[in-house]
């Protein structure tokens, strides 16, 4: 594992030339800030709310790589006073889905900071998120001697066809995407990386019922007290060193965990899915996901009789989708 980690770090170092600095505001970063890292492409439907949401939670600075957006994303991010921006025209898939690019930024700017690595369609919530900031959460983790924080990705969707959803850019996507699957999850420990491997949810139910082993992985490690020797292996699902993957305590429920509210299923998923059929940038084996994108391009109805309406973090704790642990 140590040699594998070194190979990943070498890959990160080698891919650093693929990103070009557009706006450098990193001098604003101080030692106490929680930092947010993201790779984006054509996310104007989500970015205004995304930035405001994480500012409200206490993120001090955003370090973002824009992957050849053409919908105004680049100009919008360039105008944000707390965003440092890099651009790249290179392949998202061949950069390990952006993790090589972000790995370099984490290496250069994240050392010693609590670093949140998320996609533009992921909104982190956690126990007491309505009254306690990310700084409060990370201070608790520091006091417990914990260097990483786990979260389950919860797929949010509308009631009715996606094609009929109305969403104004800049507004809260959860106003439209307020339903989720509450109970159809399964988990096992990954035999190599020792992370809890969780699958299920609406994509499993609708798109992968015949091949559940192909369903997306939902468990992530999005928040880490970063050291330069750390590296993500597969998106934010797995890390090295492996001890950073030990973020869930299913037996005693003593570790605080969170949920990433996944706002993927807005109407812009239809043109994005149509584009993805030709670009093939979001999955390692893209041929397996062609039918998935073809279905999404039609704006399907994902709601069913067992769908659950989202009410907040306390509901997710009661359902066992996240834990307060010893943070009360």
C-alpha atoms as a PDB file:
ATOM      1  CA  UNK A   1       0.000   0.000   0.000  1.00  0.00           C
ATOM      2  CA  UNK A   2       2.879   2.380   0.695  1.00  0.00           C
ATOM      3  CA  UNK A   3       4.280   1.841  -2.801  1.00  0.00           C
ATOM      4  CA  UNK A   4       0.818   2.230  -4.332  1.00  0.00           C
ATOM      5  CA  UNK A   5       0.397   5.523  -2.499  1.00  0.00           C
ATOM      6  CA  UNK A   6       3.742   6.719  -3.839  1.00  0.00           C
ATOM      7  CA  UNK A   7       2.700   5.814  -7.392  1.00  0.00           C
ATOM      8  CA  UNK A   8      -0.503   7.819  -6.993  1.00  0.00           C
ATOM      9  CA  UNK A   9       1.432  10.785  -5.612  1.00  0.00           C
ATOM     10  CA  UNK A  10       3.844  10.593  -8.527  1.00  0.00           C
ATOM     11  CA  UNK A  11       0.875  10.553 -10.901  1.00  0.00           C
ATOM     12  CA  UNK A  12      -0.559  13.650  -9.168  1.00  0.00           C
ATOM     13  CA  UNK A  13       2.797  15.413  -9.500  1.00  0.00           C
ATOM     14  CA  UNK A  14       3.032  14.461 -13.203  1.00  0.00           C
ATOM     15  CA  UNK A  15      -0.513  15.656 -14.045  1.00  0.00           C
ATOM     16  CA  UNK A  16       0.026  19.055 -12.416  1.00  0.00           C
ATOM     17  CA  UNK A  17       0.999  20.519 -15.815  1.00  0.00           C
ATOM     18  CA  UNK A  18      -2.491  19.815 -17.166  1.00  0.00           C
ATOM     19  CA  UNK A  19      -4.074  22.590 -15.100  1.00  0.00           C
ATOM     20  CA  UNK A  20      -3.487  26.292 -15.711  1.00  0.00           C
ATOM     21  CA  UNK A  21      -3.901  28.896 -12.984  1.00  0.00           C
ATOM     22  CA  UNK A  22      -6.453  31.532 -13.972  1.00  0.00           C
ATOM     23  CA  UNK A  23      -7.076  33.427 -10.720  1.00  0.00           C
ATOM     24  CA  UNK A  24      -4.856  32.999  -7.657  1.00  0.00           C
ATOM     25  CA  UNK A  25      -6.393  34.220  -4.412  1.00  0.00           C
ATOM     26  CA  UNK A  26      -4.674  31.673  -2.175  1.00  0.00           C
ATOM     27  CA  UNK A  27      -2.967  34.443  -0.194  1.00  0.00           C
ATOM     28  CA  UNK A  28      -6.321  34.792   1.567  1.00  0.00           C
ATOM     29  CA  UNK A  29      -5.918  31.330   3.104  1.00  0.00           C
ATOM     30  CA  UNK A  30      -5.036  31.306   6.787  1.00  0.00           C
ATOM     31  CA  UNK A  31      -4.162  28.376   9.019  1.00  0.00           C
ATOM     32  CA  UNK A  32      -7.622  28.031  10.560  1.00  0.00           C
ATOM     33  CA  UNK A  33      -9.655  27.851   7.357  1.00  0.00           C
ATOM     34  CA  UNK A  34     -11.647  24.852   6.170  1.00  0.00           C
ATOM     35  CA  UNK A  35     -10.903  24.602   2.431  1.00  0.00           C
ATOM     36  CA  UNK A  36     -13.152  23.261  -0.322  1.00  0.00           C
ATOM     37  CA  UNK A  37     -11.785  21.554  -3.465  1.00  0.00           C
ATOM     38  CA  UNK A  38     -13.868  20.736  -6.561  1.00  0.00           C
ATOM     39  CA  UNK A  39     -13.651  19.974 -10.269  1.00  0.00           C
ATOM     40  CA  UNK A  40     -16.547  21.385 -12.296  1.00  0.00           C
ATOM     41  CA  UNK A  41     -17.866  21.470 -15.839  1.00  0.00           C
ATOM     42  CA  UNK A  42     -20.962  23.439 -16.910  1.00  0.00           C
ATOM     43  CA  UNK A  43     -22.464  23.783 -13.428  1.00  0.00           C
ATOM     44  CA  UNK A  44     -24.168  27.188 -13.563  1.00  0.00           C
ATOM     45  CA  UNK A  45     -27.432  25.580 -12.479  1.00  0.00           C
ATOM     46  CA  UNK A  46     -25.845  24.716  -9.114  1.00  0.00           C
ATOM     47  CA  UNK A  47     -22.753  26.836  -8.453  1.00  0.00           C
ATOM     48  CA  UNK A  48     -24.303  30.024  -7.008  1.00  0.00           C
ATOM     49  CA  UNK A  49     -26.177  28.039  -4.358  1.00  0.00           C
ATOM     50  CA  UNK A  50     -23.262  25.608  -3.897  1.00  0.00           C
ATOM     51  CA  UNK A  51     -20.871  28.436  -2.978  1.00  0.00           C
ATOM     52  CA  UNK A  52     -23.367  30.173  -0.699  1.00  0.00           C
ATOM     53  CA  UNK A  53     -24.266  26.890   1.014  1.00  0.00           C
ATOM     54  CA  UNK A  54     -20.663  26.075   1.898  1.00  0.00           C
ATOM     55  CA  UNK A  55     -19.890  29.669   2.845  1.00  0.00           C
ATOM     56  CA  UNK A  56     -22.784  29.441   5.298  1.00  0.00           C
ATOM     57  CA  UNK A  57     -21.297  26.217   6.729  1.00  0.00           C
ATOM     58  CA  UNK A  58     -17.953  27.963   7.198  1.00  0.00           C
ATOM     59  CA  UNK A  59     -15.734  27.148   4.214  1.00  0.00           C
ATOM     60  CA  UNK A  60     -13.052  29.840   4.085  1.00  0.00           C
ATOM     61  CA  UNK A  61     -11.728  29.368   0.544  1.00  0.00           C
ATOM     62  CA  UNK A  62     -12.575  27.403  -2.602  1.00  0.00           C
ATOM     63  CA  UNK A  63      -9.966  25.868  -4.918  1.00  0.00           C
ATOM     64  CA  UNK A  64     -11.692  24.859  -8.141  1.00  0.00           C
ATOM     65  CA  UNK A  65     -10.608  23.301 -11.435  1.00  0.00           C
ATOM     66  CA  UNK A  66     -12.876  24.145 -14.369  1.00  0.00           C
ATOM     67  CA  UNK A  67     -12.836  21.450 -17.055  1.00  0.00           C
ATOM     68  CA  UNK A  68     -13.585  23.431 -20.244  1.00  0.00           C
ATOM     69  CA  UNK A  69     -17.011  24.778 -19.304  1.00  0.00           C
ATOM     70  CA  UNK A  70     -18.930  26.671 -21.981  1.00  0.00           C
ATOM     71  CA  UNK A  71     -22.028  27.774 -20.031  1.00  0.00           C
ATOM     72  CA  UNK A  72     -20.543  30.775 -18.177  1.00  0.00           C
ATOM     73  CA  UNK A  73     -19.122  28.736 -15.274  1.00  0.00           C
ATOM     74  CA  UNK A  74     -15.564  29.984 -15.839  1.00  0.00           C
ATOM     75  CA  UNK A  75     -16.481  33.676 -15.841  1.00  0.00           C
ATOM     76  CA  UNK A  76     -18.761  33.246 -12.845  1.00  0.00           C
ATOM     77  CA  UNK A  77     -16.066  31.558 -10.767  1.00  0.00           C
ATOM     78  CA  UNK A  78     -13.454  34.102 -11.870  1.00  0.00           C
ATOM     79  CA  UNK A  79     -15.590  36.817 -10.308  1.00  0.00           C
ATOM     80  CA  UNK A  80     -15.915  35.165  -6.879  1.00  0.00           C
ATOM     81  CA  UNK A  81     -13.645  36.814  -4.290  1.00  0.00           C
ATOM     82  CA  UNK A  82     -13.022  33.618  -2.289  1.00  0.00           C
ATOM     83  CA  UNK A  83     -12.332  31.302  -5.247  1.00  0.00           C
ATOM     84  CA  UNK A  84      -8.923  30.399  -6.669  1.00  0.00           C
ATOM     85  CA  UNK A  85      -9.483  29.031 -10.163  1.00  0.00           C
ATOM     86  CA  UNK A  86      -7.598  26.686 -12.468  1.00  0.00           C
ATOM     87  CA  UNK A  87      -8.683  25.550 -15.937  1.00  0.00           C
ATOM     88  CA  UNK A  88      -7.932  22.515 -18.090  1.00  0.00           C
ATOM     89  CA  UNK A  89      -9.074  21.126 -21.455  1.00  0.00           C
ATOM     90  CA  UNK A  90      -7.733  17.634 -20.655  1.00  0.00           C
ATOM     91  CA  UNK A  91      -9.643  14.398 -20.134  1.00  0.00           C
ATOM     92  CA  UNK A  92     -11.635  14.143 -16.911  1.00  0.00           C
ATOM     93  CA  UNK A  93     -11.617  10.331 -17.094  1.00  0.00           C
ATOM     94  CA  UNK A  94      -7.873  10.082 -17.723  1.00  0.00           C
ATOM     95  CA  UNK A  95      -7.186  12.334 -14.748  1.00  0.00           C
ATOM     96  CA  UNK A  96      -8.904   9.763 -12.524  1.00  0.00           C
ATOM     97  CA  UNK A  97     -12.110  11.808 -12.749  1.00  0.00           C
ATOM     98  CA  UNK A  98     -10.386  15.002 -11.662  1.00  0.00           C
ATOM     99  CA  UNK A  99      -8.610  13.514  -8.636  1.00  0.00           C
ATOM    100  CA  UNK A 100      -5.138  13.939 -10.163  1.00  0.00           C
ATOM    101  CA  UNK A 101      -5.777  17.663 -10.612  1.00  0.00           C
ATOM    102  CA  UNK A 102      -7.291  18.121  -7.161  1.00  0.00           C
ATOM    103  CA  UNK A 103      -4.585  15.917  -5.672  1.00  0.00           C
ATOM    104  CA  UNK A 104      -1.994  18.459  -6.760  1.00  0.00           C
ATOM    105  CA  UNK A 105      -3.966  21.344  -5.252  1.00  0.00           C
ATOM    106  CA  UNK A 106      -4.461  19.399  -2.024  1.00  0.00           C
ATOM    107  CA  UNK A 107      -0.723  18.699  -1.962  1.00  0.00           C
ATOM    108  CA  UNK A 108       0.151  22.370  -2.489  1.00  0.00           C
ATOM    109  CA  UNK A 109      -2.486  24.119  -0.378  1.00  0.00           C
ATOM    110  CA  UNK A 110      -4.244  21.569   1.814  1.00  0.00           C
ATOM    111  CA  UNK A 111      -1.445  20.432   4.118  1.00  0.00           C
ATOM    112  CA  UNK A 112      -2.479  20.984   7.742  1.00  0.00           C
ATOM    113  CA  UNK A 113      -6.020  22.100   6.837  1.00  0.00           C
ATOM    114  CA  UNK A 114      -9.329  20.339   7.089  1.00  0.00           C
ATOM    115  CA  UNK A 115     -10.154  19.878   3.396  1.00  0.00           C
ATOM    116  CA  UNK A 116     -13.591  19.216   1.947  1.00  0.00           C
ATOM    117  CA  UNK A 117     -13.513  17.584  -1.507  1.00  0.00           C
ATOM    118  CA  UNK A 118     -16.922  17.481  -3.186  1.00  0.00           C
ATOM    119  CA  UNK A 119     -18.650  17.740  -6.543  1.00  0.00           C
ATOM    120  CA  UNK A 120     -20.842  20.720  -7.416  1.00  0.00           C
ATOM    121  CA  UNK A 121     -23.930  18.519  -7.037  1.00  0.00           C
ATOM    122  CA  UNK A 122     -23.043  17.393  -3.480  1.00  0.00           C
ATOM    123  CA  UNK A 123     -24.300  19.280  -0.423  1.00  0.00           C
ATOM    124  CA  UNK A 124     -22.856  17.999   2.841  1.00  0.00           C
ATOM    125  CA  UNK A 125     -25.085  17.818   5.885  1.00  0.00           C
ATOM    126  CA  UNK A 126     -24.246  16.416   9.313  1.00  0.00           C
ATOM    127  CA  UNK A 127     -25.671  16.365  12.845  1.00  0.00           C
ATOM    128  CA  UNK A 128     -26.509  19.889  14.039  1.00  0.00           C
ATOM    129  CA  UNK A 129     -25.681  21.360  10.615  1.00  0.00           C
ATOM    130  CA  UNK A 130     -28.380  23.976  11.169  1.00  0.00           C
ATOM    131  CA  UNK A 131     -26.620  25.327  14.266  1.00  0.00           C
ATOM    132  CA  UNK A 132     -22.965  24.238  14.136  1.00  0.00           C
ATOM    133  CA  UNK A 133     -20.382  25.099  11.490  1.00  0.00           C
ATOM    134  CA  UNK A 134     -17.775  22.951   9.789  1.00  0.00           C
ATOM    135  CA  UNK A 135     -15.278  24.579  12.148  1.00  0.00           C
ATOM    136  CA  UNK A 136     -17.276  23.261  15.103  1.00  0.00           C
ATOM    137  CA  UNK A 137     -17.373  19.806  13.529  1.00  0.00           C
ATOM    138  CA  UNK A 138     -13.658  19.711  12.744  1.00  0.00           C
ATOM    139  CA  UNK A 139     -12.767  20.969  16.216  1.00  0.00           C
ATOM    140  CA  UNK A 140     -14.729  18.039  17.626  1.00  0.00           C
ATOM    141  CA  UNK A 141     -12.913  15.630  15.308  1.00  0.00           C
ATOM    142  CA  UNK A 142      -9.563  17.122  16.371  1.00  0.00           C
ATOM    143  CA  UNK A 143     -10.481  16.662  20.025  1.00  0.00           C
ATOM    144  CA  UNK A 144     -11.280  13.009  19.317  1.00  0.00           C
ATOM    145  CA  UNK A 145      -8.000  12.495  17.478  1.00  0.00           C
ATOM    146  CA  UNK A 146      -9.891  11.724  14.270  1.00  0.00           C
ATOM    147  CA  UNK A 147      -8.405  12.809  10.925  1.00  0.00           C
ATOM    148  CA  UNK A 148     -11.201  11.922   8.485  1.00  0.00           C
ATOM    149  CA  UNK A 149     -14.987  12.141   8.281  1.00  0.00           C
ATOM    150  CA  UNK A 150     -17.299   9.794   6.384  1.00  0.00           C
ATOM    151  CA  UNK A 151     -20.561  10.453   4.572  1.00  0.00           C
ATOM    152  CA  UNK A 152     -23.099   8.468   2.570  1.00  0.00           C
ATOM    153  CA  UNK A 153     -24.189   9.959  -0.756  1.00  0.00           C
ATOM    154  CA  UNK A 154     -27.980  10.244  -0.747  1.00  0.00           C
ATOM    155  CA  UNK A 155     -29.564  10.548  -4.197  1.00  0.00           C
ATOM    156  CA  UNK A 156     -32.243  13.272  -4.180  1.00  0.00           C
ATOM    157  CA  UNK A 157     -34.943  13.331  -6.866  1.00  0.00           C
ATOM    158  CA  UNK A 158     -38.283  14.989  -7.667  1.00  0.00           C
ATOM    159  CA  UNK A 159     -41.794  13.587  -7.579  1.00  0.00           C
ATOM    160  CA  UNK A 160     -42.707  13.217 -11.225  1.00  0.00           C
ATOM    161  CA  UNK A 161     -40.592  13.203 -14.385  1.00  0.00           C
ATOM    162  CA  UNK A 162     -37.259  14.999 -14.251  1.00  0.00           C
ATOM    163  CA  UNK A 163     -38.139  16.584 -17.590  1.00  0.00           C
ATOM    164  CA  UNK A 164     -40.986  18.512 -15.920  1.00  0.00           C
ATOM    165  CA  UNK A 165     -38.950  19.947 -13.024  1.00  0.00           C
ATOM    166  CA  UNK A 166     -38.514  23.724 -12.904  1.00  0.00           C
ATOM    167  CA  UNK A 167     -35.312  24.968 -11.292  1.00  0.00           C
ATOM    168  CA  UNK A 168     -33.962  28.527 -11.276  1.00  0.00           C
ATOM    169  CA  UNK A 169     -30.155  28.678 -11.239  1.00  0.00           C
ATOM    170  CA  UNK A 170     -28.924  29.985  -7.927  1.00  0.00           C
ATOM    171  CA  UNK A 171     -31.826  28.618  -5.906  1.00  0.00           C
ATOM    172  CA  UNK A 172     -31.773  25.662  -3.525  1.00  0.00           C
ATOM    173  CA  UNK A 173     -32.010  22.473  -5.635  1.00  0.00           C
ATOM    174  CA  UNK A 174     -33.542  20.671  -2.660  1.00  0.00           C
ATOM    175  CA  UNK A 175     -36.718  22.669  -3.217  1.00  0.00           C
ATOM    176  CA  UNK A 176     -37.276  20.504  -6.295  1.00  0.00           C
ATOM    177  CA  UNK A 177     -35.272  17.415  -5.361  1.00  0.00           C
ATOM    178  CA  UNK A 178     -36.858  16.630  -1.999  1.00  0.00           C
ATOM    179  CA  UNK A 179     -37.337  12.843  -2.184  1.00  0.00           C
ATOM    180  CA  UNK A 180     -34.974   9.927  -1.553  1.00  0.00           C
ATOM    181  CA  UNK A 181     -34.851   6.164  -1.019  1.00  0.00           C
ATOM    182  CA  UNK A 182     -34.675   5.495   2.705  1.00  0.00           C
ATOM    183  CA  UNK A 183     -34.014   1.795   3.211  1.00  0.00           C
ATOM    184  CA  UNK A 184     -32.681  -0.111   0.169  1.00  0.00           C
ATOM    185  CA  UNK A 185     -28.978  -0.061   1.045  1.00  0.00           C
ATOM    186  CA  UNK A 186     -26.394  -2.797   1.438  1.00  0.00           C
ATOM    187  CA  UNK A 187     -22.829  -2.617   2.627  1.00  0.00           C
ATOM    188  CA  UNK A 188     -19.644  -4.608   3.010  1.00  0.00           C
ATOM    189  CA  UNK A 189     -16.041  -3.857   3.850  1.00  0.00           C
ATOM    190  CA  UNK A 190     -13.744  -3.455   0.848  1.00  0.00           C
ATOM    191  CA  UNK A 191     -11.202  -6.308   0.990  1.00  0.00           C
ATOM    192  CA  UNK A 192      -8.239  -4.116  -0.029  1.00  0.00           C
ATOM    193  CA  UNK A 193      -8.860  -0.540   1.117  1.00  0.00           C
ATOM    194  CA  UNK A 194     -10.928  -1.408   4.234  1.00  0.00           C
ATOM    195  CA  UNK A 195     -13.547   1.260   3.536  1.00  0.00           C
ATOM    196  CA  UNK A 196     -17.240   0.527   4.050  1.00  0.00           C
ATOM    197  CA  UNK A 197     -18.582  -0.101   0.546  1.00  0.00           C
ATOM    198  CA  UNK A 198     -22.222   1.044   0.383  1.00  0.00           C
ATOM    199  CA  UNK A 199     -24.540   0.587  -2.606  1.00  0.00           C
ATOM    200  CA  UNK A 200     -28.256   1.095  -3.114  1.00  0.00           C
ATOM    201  CA  UNK A 201     -30.590   4.060  -3.455  1.00  0.00           C
ATOM    202  CA  UNK A 202     -32.545   5.209  -6.455  1.00  0.00           C
ATOM    203  CA  UNK A 203     -29.901   4.535  -9.121  1.00  0.00           C
ATOM    204  CA  UNK A 204     -29.568   0.970  -7.876  1.00  0.00           C
ATOM    205  CA  UNK A 205     -33.372   0.559  -7.872  1.00  0.00           C
ATOM    206  CA  UNK A 206     -34.099   2.111 -11.263  1.00  0.00           C
ATOM    207  CA  UNK A 207     -31.003   1.604 -13.405  1.00  0.00           C
ATOM    208  CA  UNK A 208     -29.088  -1.350 -11.983  1.00  0.00           C
ATOM    209  CA  UNK A 209     -31.764  -3.731 -10.705  1.00  0.00           C
ATOM    210  CA  UNK A 210     -30.457  -6.457 -13.043  1.00  0.00           C
ATOM    211  CA  UNK A 211     -26.773  -5.750 -12.234  1.00  0.00           C
ATOM    212  CA  UNK A 212     -26.687  -4.461  -8.649  1.00  0.00           C
ATOM    213  CA  UNK A 213     -22.946  -5.060  -8.421  1.00  0.00           C
ATOM    214  CA  UNK A 214     -22.537  -2.301 -11.045  1.00  0.00           C
ATOM    215  CA  UNK A 215     -24.476   0.269  -9.032  1.00  0.00           C
ATOM    216  CA  UNK A 216     -22.521   3.369  -7.943  1.00  0.00           C
ATOM    217  CA  UNK A 217     -20.632   3.375  -4.647  1.00  0.00           C
ATOM    218  CA  UNK A 218     -22.278   5.730  -2.159  1.00  0.00           C
ATOM    219  CA  UNK A 219     -19.821   5.837   0.755  1.00  0.00           C
ATOM    220  CA  UNK A 220     -17.250   8.650   0.722  1.00  0.00           C
ATOM    221  CA  UNK A 221     -14.539  10.321   2.807  1.00  0.00           C
ATOM    222  CA  UNK A 222     -15.096  13.959   1.781  1.00  0.00           C
ATOM    223  CA  UNK A 223     -13.569  15.763   4.770  1.00  0.00           C
ATOM    224  CA  UNK A 224      -9.972  15.118   5.826  1.00  0.00           C
ATOM    225  CA  UNK A 225      -7.315  16.760   7.986  1.00  0.00           C
ATOM    226  CA  UNK A 226      -4.912  16.812   5.053  1.00  0.00           C
ATOM    227  CA  UNK A 227      -1.259  15.847   5.011  1.00  0.00           C
ATOM    228  CA  UNK A 228       0.780  15.999   1.832  1.00  0.00           C
ATOM    229  CA  UNK A 229       1.300  12.222   1.855  1.00  0.00           C
ATOM    230  CA  UNK A 230      -2.437  11.574   1.661  1.00  0.00           C
ATOM    231  CA  UNK A 231      -4.026  10.629  -1.640  1.00  0.00           C
ATOM    232  CA  UNK A 232      -7.474   9.727  -2.928  1.00  0.00           C
ATOM    233  CA  UNK A 233      -7.590   6.445  -4.831  1.00  0.00           C
ATOM    234  CA  UNK A 234     -11.060   6.353  -6.389  1.00  0.00           C
ATOM    235  CA  UNK A 235     -12.947   9.665  -6.331  1.00  0.00           C
ATOM    236  CA  UNK A 236     -13.423  10.334  -2.608  1.00  0.00           C
ATOM    237  CA  UNK A 237     -14.574   6.761  -1.963  1.00  0.00           C
ATOM    238  CA  UNK A 238     -11.161   5.450  -0.908  1.00  0.00           C
ATOM    239  CA  UNK A 239      -7.930   6.893   0.432  1.00  0.00           C
ATOM    240  CA  UNK A 240      -4.404   5.981   1.308  1.00  0.00           C
ATOM    241  CA  UNK A 241      -3.231   5.527   4.018  1.00  0.00           C
ATOM    242  CA  UNK A 242      -6.062   3.047   4.643  1.00  0.00           C
ATOM    243  CA  UNK A 243      -6.631   4.187   8.236  1.00  0.00           C
ATOM    244  CA  UNK A 244      -8.348   7.279   6.796  1.00  0.00           C
ATOM    245  CA  UNK A 245     -11.071   5.010   5.394  1.00  0.00           C
ATOM    246  CA  UNK A 246     -12.121   3.854   8.882  1.00  0.00           C
ATOM    247  CA  UNK A 247     -14.833   6.496   9.188  1.00  0.00           C
ATOM    248  CA  UNK A 248     -17.929   4.404   9.979  1.00  0.00           C
ATOM    249  CA  UNK A 249     -18.589   2.559  13.233  1.00  0.00           C
ATOM    250  CA  UNK A 250     -21.576   0.351  12.523  1.00  0.00           C
ATOM    251  CA  UNK A 251     -21.135  -1.819  15.612  1.00  0.00           C
ATOM    252  CA  UNK A 252     -21.072   0.834  18.336  1.00  0.00           C
ATOM    253  CA  UNK A 253     -22.275   3.914  16.425  1.00  0.00           C
ATOM    254  CA  UNK A 254     -19.745   6.146  18.173  1.00  0.00           C
ATOM    255  CA  UNK A 255     -18.367   7.980  15.129  1.00  0.00           C
ATOM    256  CA  UNK A 256     -20.114  11.100  13.892  1.00  0.00           C
ATOM    257  CA  UNK A 257     -20.906  10.801  10.174  1.00  0.00           C
ATOM    258  CA  UNK A 258     -22.722  12.835   7.536  1.00  0.00           C
ATOM    259  CA  UNK A 259     -24.701  12.671   4.324  1.00  0.00           C
ATOM    260  CA  UNK A 260     -23.907  14.162   0.927  1.00  0.00           C
ATOM    261  CA  UNK A 261     -27.214  15.271  -0.551  1.00  0.00           C
ATOM    262  CA  UNK A 262     -26.728  14.496  -4.239  1.00  0.00           C
ATOM    263  CA  UNK A 263     -28.550  16.976  -6.502  1.00  0.00           C
ATOM    264  CA  UNK A 264     -27.721  15.273  -9.789  1.00  0.00           C
ATOM    265  CA  UNK A 265     -31.293  14.865 -11.039  1.00  0.00           C
ATOM    266  CA  UNK A 266     -32.131  18.422 -12.102  1.00  0.00           C
ATOM    267  CA  UNK A 267     -33.344  18.920 -15.695  1.00  0.00           C
ATOM    268  CA  UNK A 268     -29.807  19.663 -16.900  1.00  0.00           C
ATOM    269  CA  UNK A 269     -29.069  15.959 -16.437  1.00  0.00           C
ATOM    270  CA  UNK A 270     -30.845  15.347 -19.759  1.00  0.00           C
ATOM    271  CA  UNK A 271     -28.470  17.290 -22.063  1.00  0.00           C
ATOM    272  CA  UNK A 272     -25.515  16.252 -19.891  1.00  0.00           C
ATOM    273  CA  UNK A 273     -26.430  12.584 -20.307  1.00  0.00           C
ATOM    274  CA  UNK A 274     -26.839  13.003 -24.044  1.00  0.00           C
ATOM    275  CA  UNK A 275     -23.392  14.598 -24.165  1.00  0.00           C
ATOM    276  CA  UNK A 276     -21.886  11.904 -21.974  1.00  0.00           C
ATOM    277  CA  UNK A 277     -22.908   9.168 -24.417  1.00  0.00           C
ATOM    278  CA  UNK A 278     -20.382  10.646 -26.845  1.00  0.00           C
ATOM    279  CA  UNK A 279     -17.809  12.075 -24.380  1.00  0.00           C
ATOM    280  CA  UNK A 280     -17.579   8.957 -22.140  1.00  0.00           C
ATOM    281  CA  UNK A 281     -15.831  10.833 -19.352  1.00  0.00           C
ATOM    282  CA  UNK A 282     -17.645   9.817 -16.170  1.00  0.00           C
ATOM    283  CA  UNK A 283     -17.169   6.066 -15.801  1.00  0.00           C
ATOM    284  CA  UNK A 284     -14.152   3.796 -16.151  1.00  0.00           C
ATOM    285  CA  UNK A 285     -16.053   1.345 -18.351  1.00  0.00           C
ATOM    286  CA  UNK A 286     -18.357   3.728 -20.201  1.00  0.00           C
ATOM    287  CA  UNK A 287     -19.980   1.031 -22.367  1.00  0.00           C
ATOM    288  CA  UNK A 288     -21.677  -0.379 -19.264  1.00  0.00           C
ATOM    289  CA  UNK A 289     -23.389   2.958 -18.630  1.00  0.00           C
ATOM    290  CA  UNK A 290     -24.673   3.779 -22.118  1.00  0.00           C
ATOM    291  CA  UNK A 291     -28.200   2.543 -21.357  1.00  0.00           C
ATOM    292  CA  UNK A 292     -28.121   4.467 -18.068  1.00  0.00           C
ATOM    293  CA  UNK A 293     -27.374   7.754 -19.839  1.00  0.00           C
ATOM    294  CA  UNK A 294     -29.865   7.028 -22.624  1.00  0.00           C
ATOM    295  CA  UNK A 295     -32.603   6.651 -20.015  1.00  0.00           C
ATOM    296  CA  UNK A 296     -31.562   9.797 -18.117  1.00  0.00           C
ATOM    297  CA  UNK A 297     -31.549  11.802 -21.355  1.00  0.00           C
ATOM    298  CA  UNK A 298     -35.326  11.217 -21.528  1.00  0.00           C
ATOM    299  CA  UNK A 299     -35.956  12.772 -18.084  1.00  0.00           C
ATOM    300  CA  UNK A 300     -37.554   9.746 -16.365  1.00  0.00           C
ATOM    301  CA  UNK A 301     -39.735   9.588 -13.264  1.00  0.00           C
ATOM    302  CA  UNK A 302     -37.696   8.172 -10.358  1.00  0.00           C
ATOM    303  CA  UNK A 303     -40.359   8.480  -7.654  1.00  0.00           C
ATOM    304  CA  UNK A 304     -42.112   5.436  -6.213  1.00  0.00           C
ATOM    305  CA  UNK A 305     -44.568   4.640  -3.395  1.00  0.00           C
ATOM    306  CA  UNK A 306     -41.737   4.012  -0.919  1.00  0.00           C
ATOM    307  CA  UNK A 307     -39.962   7.308  -1.626  1.00  0.00           C
ATOM    308  CA  UNK A 308     -39.338   9.420   1.475  1.00  0.00           C
ATOM    309  CA  UNK A 309     -39.635  13.221   1.643  1.00  0.00           C
ATOM    310  CA  UNK A 310     -36.564  14.992   3.022  1.00  0.00           C
ATOM    311  CA  UNK A 311     -37.051  16.860   6.308  1.00  0.00           C
ATOM    312  CA  UNK A 312     -33.546  17.555   7.583  1.00  0.00           C
ATOM    313  CA  UNK A 313     -30.540  16.081   9.360  1.00  0.00           C
ATOM    314  CA  UNK A 314     -32.483  14.745  12.363  1.00  0.00           C
ATOM    315  CA  UNK A 315     -34.593  12.618  10.022  1.00  0.00           C
ATOM    316  CA  UNK A 316     -31.458  11.143   8.423  1.00  0.00           C
ATOM    317  CA  UNK A 317     -30.086  10.313  11.863  1.00  0.00           C
ATOM    318  CA  UNK A 318     -33.339   8.600  12.870  1.00  0.00           C
ATOM    319  CA  UNK A 319     -33.226   6.535   9.671  1.00  0.00           C
ATOM    320  CA  UNK A 320     -29.669   5.429  10.405  1.00  0.00           C
ATOM    321  CA  UNK A 321     -28.229   7.115   7.308  1.00  0.00           C
ATOM    322  CA  UNK A 322     -25.850   9.129   9.456  1.00  0.00           C
ATOM    323  CA  UNK A 323     -24.793   9.168  13.104  1.00  0.00           C
ATOM    324  CA  UNK A 324     -24.335  11.736  15.830  1.00  0.00           C
ATOM    325  CA  UNK A 325     -21.872   9.407  17.540  1.00  0.00           C
ATOM    326  CA  UNK A 326     -20.462  11.090  20.644  1.00  0.00           C
ATOM    327  CA  UNK A 327     -21.105  14.626  19.324  1.00  0.00           C
ATOM    328  CA  UNK A 328     -24.179  15.871  21.187  1.00  0.00           C
END
